[in-house]
């Protein structure tokens, strides 16, 4: 199983809650999502990121299909202008 982790820092931290809702709405719409978890930062320290997303996919092909899905592309078009920074880690989990 491939795990896809994304950390997001927003220009306006208030946008993170709406992003969480929109990300969670992808479940059931994008068939390549095996699981999806979204968490918002609670402590707001100087090194905090605003949002943590973790999705799981059968393999790298499913991750690419998720990323190319029209619902994901639409969300990305809304999301990208709001971001100050983004970090990604992808890894295989047994």
C-alpha atoms as a PDB file:
ATOM      1  CA  UNK A   1       0.000   0.000   0.000  1.00  0.00           C
ATOM      2  CA  UNK A   2       1.290   3.458  -0.905  1.00  0.00           C
ATOM      3  CA  UNK A   3       0.874   6.214   1.689  1.00  0.00           C
ATOM      4  CA  UNK A   4       0.731   9.800   0.428  1.00  0.00           C
ATOM      5  CA  UNK A   5       1.344  12.447   3.108  1.00  0.00           C
ATOM      6  CA  UNK A   6       0.954  16.171   2.450  1.00  0.00           C
ATOM      7  CA  UNK A   7       1.619  19.044   4.850  1.00  0.00           C
ATOM      8  CA  UNK A   8       0.088  22.384   3.936  1.00  0.00           C
ATOM      9  CA  UNK A   9       0.802  25.875   5.170  1.00  0.00           C
ATOM     10  CA  UNK A  10      -1.788  28.454   4.176  1.00  0.00           C
ATOM     11  CA  UNK A  11      -1.263  32.164   3.642  1.00  0.00           C
ATOM     12  CA  UNK A  12      -4.346  32.588   5.853  1.00  0.00           C
ATOM     13  CA  UNK A  13      -4.592  29.817   8.478  1.00  0.00           C
ATOM     14  CA  UNK A  14      -8.368  30.229   8.455  1.00  0.00           C
ATOM     15  CA  UNK A  15      -8.522  28.533   5.034  1.00  0.00           C
ATOM     16  CA  UNK A  16      -7.336  25.203   6.497  1.00  0.00           C
ATOM     17  CA  UNK A  17     -10.770  24.267   7.897  1.00  0.00           C
ATOM     18  CA  UNK A  18     -12.468  24.695   4.515  1.00  0.00           C
ATOM     19  CA  UNK A  19      -9.663  22.740   2.850  1.00  0.00           C
ATOM     20  CA  UNK A  20     -10.225  19.906   5.336  1.00  0.00           C
ATOM     21  CA  UNK A  21     -13.912  19.725   4.421  1.00  0.00           C
ATOM     22  CA  UNK A  22     -13.193  19.768   0.694  1.00  0.00           C
ATOM     23  CA  UNK A  23     -10.519  17.094   0.989  1.00  0.00           C
ATOM     24  CA  UNK A  24     -12.796  14.834   3.025  1.00  0.00           C
ATOM     25  CA  UNK A  25     -15.473  15.245   0.351  1.00  0.00           C
ATOM     26  CA  UNK A  26     -13.214  13.375  -2.114  1.00  0.00           C
ATOM     27  CA  UNK A  27     -13.916  10.094  -0.300  1.00  0.00           C
ATOM     28  CA  UNK A  28     -16.434   8.111  -2.329  1.00  0.00           C
ATOM     29  CA  UNK A  29     -15.885  10.361  -5.344  1.00  0.00           C
ATOM     30  CA  UNK A  30     -12.338   9.308  -6.247  1.00  0.00           C
ATOM     31  CA  UNK A  31     -12.285   5.495  -6.372  1.00  0.00           C
ATOM     32  CA  UNK A  32      -8.483   5.248  -6.024  1.00  0.00           C
ATOM     33  CA  UNK A  33      -8.623   6.580  -2.446  1.00  0.00           C
ATOM     34  CA  UNK A  34      -8.445   3.590  -0.112  1.00  0.00           C
ATOM     35  CA  UNK A  35      -8.381   5.825   2.978  1.00  0.00           C
ATOM     36  CA  UNK A  36      -8.102   9.539   3.682  1.00  0.00           C
ATOM     37  CA  UNK A  37      -7.373  11.359   6.938  1.00  0.00           C
ATOM     38  CA  UNK A  38      -7.093  15.112   7.421  1.00  0.00           C
ATOM     39  CA  UNK A  39      -5.969  16.803  10.625  1.00  0.00           C
ATOM     40  CA  UNK A  40      -5.664  20.477  11.498  1.00  0.00           C
ATOM     41  CA  UNK A  41      -2.850  21.799  13.662  1.00  0.00           C
ATOM     42  CA  UNK A  42      -3.920  22.613  17.212  1.00  0.00           C
ATOM     43  CA  UNK A  43      -0.889  24.287  18.783  1.00  0.00           C
ATOM     44  CA  UNK A  44       0.118  26.898  16.186  1.00  0.00           C
ATOM     45  CA  UNK A  45       3.802  26.937  17.046  1.00  0.00           C
ATOM     46  CA  UNK A  46       6.390  28.692  14.904  1.00  0.00           C
ATOM     47  CA  UNK A  47       7.238  25.398  13.173  1.00  0.00           C
ATOM     48  CA  UNK A  48       3.641  24.185  12.729  1.00  0.00           C
ATOM     49  CA  UNK A  49       1.983  23.469   9.420  1.00  0.00           C
ATOM     50  CA  UNK A  50      -1.771  24.105   9.236  1.00  0.00           C
ATOM     51  CA  UNK A  51      -3.019  20.857   7.709  1.00  0.00           C
ATOM     52  CA  UNK A  52      -1.887  17.234   7.506  1.00  0.00           C
ATOM     53  CA  UNK A  53      -3.368  14.970   4.808  1.00  0.00           C
ATOM     54  CA  UNK A  54      -2.690  11.244   4.569  1.00  0.00           C
ATOM     55  CA  UNK A  55      -4.202   9.107   1.839  1.00  0.00           C
ATOM     56  CA  UNK A  56      -3.567   5.481   1.010  1.00  0.00           C
ATOM     57  CA  UNK A  57      -3.583   3.934  -2.441  1.00  0.00           C
ATOM     58  CA  UNK A  58      -3.050   0.443  -3.785  1.00  0.00           C
ATOM     59  CA  UNK A  59       0.115   1.545  -5.640  1.00  0.00           C
ATOM     60  CA  UNK A  60       1.794   4.433  -7.471  1.00  0.00           C
ATOM     61  CA  UNK A  61      -0.543   4.020 -10.454  1.00  0.00           C
ATOM     62  CA  UNK A  62      -3.557   4.530  -8.183  1.00  0.00           C
ATOM     63  CA  UNK A  63      -1.911   7.618  -6.658  1.00  0.00           C
ATOM     64  CA  UNK A  64      -1.394   9.053 -10.153  1.00  0.00           C
ATOM     65  CA  UNK A  65      -5.017   8.251 -11.054  1.00  0.00           C
ATOM     66  CA  UNK A  66      -6.173  10.022  -7.864  1.00  0.00           C
ATOM     67  CA  UNK A  67      -4.057  13.043  -8.723  1.00  0.00           C
ATOM     68  CA  UNK A  68      -5.470  13.135 -12.283  1.00  0.00           C
ATOM     69  CA  UNK A  69      -9.110  12.676 -11.218  1.00  0.00           C
ATOM     70  CA  UNK A  70     -11.294  15.689 -12.177  1.00  0.00           C
ATOM     71  CA  UNK A  71     -12.505  16.160  -8.571  1.00  0.00           C
ATOM     72  CA  UNK A  72      -8.900  16.289  -7.314  1.00  0.00           C
ATOM     73  CA  UNK A  73      -7.897  18.677 -10.098  1.00  0.00           C
ATOM     74  CA  UNK A  74     -10.825  20.965  -9.260  1.00  0.00           C
ATOM     75  CA  UNK A  75      -9.868  20.967  -5.587  1.00  0.00           C
ATOM     76  CA  UNK A  76      -6.244  21.682  -6.480  1.00  0.00           C
ATOM     77  CA  UNK A  77      -7.252  24.689  -8.594  1.00  0.00           C
ATOM     78  CA  UNK A  78      -9.066  26.127  -5.567  1.00  0.00           C
ATOM     79  CA  UNK A  79      -6.351  25.146  -3.081  1.00  0.00           C
ATOM     80  CA  UNK A  80      -3.050  26.091  -4.739  1.00  0.00           C
ATOM     81  CA  UNK A  81      -3.546  29.890  -4.658  1.00  0.00           C
ATOM     82  CA  UNK A  82      -4.237  29.694  -0.902  1.00  0.00           C
ATOM     83  CA  UNK A  83      -1.019  27.866  -0.035  1.00  0.00           C
ATOM     84  CA  UNK A  84       2.159  29.465   1.241  1.00  0.00           C
ATOM     85  CA  UNK A  85       3.987  26.096   1.199  1.00  0.00           C
ATOM     86  CA  UNK A  86       3.424  22.386   0.719  1.00  0.00           C
ATOM     87  CA  UNK A  87       5.531  19.313   1.537  1.00  0.00           C
ATOM     88  CA  UNK A  88       4.932  15.739   0.356  1.00  0.00           C
ATOM     89  CA  UNK A  89       6.205  12.320   1.433  1.00  0.00           C
ATOM     90  CA  UNK A  90       5.176   9.104  -0.351  1.00  0.00           C
ATOM     91  CA  UNK A  91       6.144   5.699   1.017  1.00  0.00           C
ATOM     92  CA  UNK A  92       5.187   2.043   0.802  1.00  0.00           C
ATOM     93  CA  UNK A  93       3.681   0.390   3.844  1.00  0.00           C
ATOM     94  CA  UNK A  94       3.269  -3.374   4.131  1.00  0.00           C
END
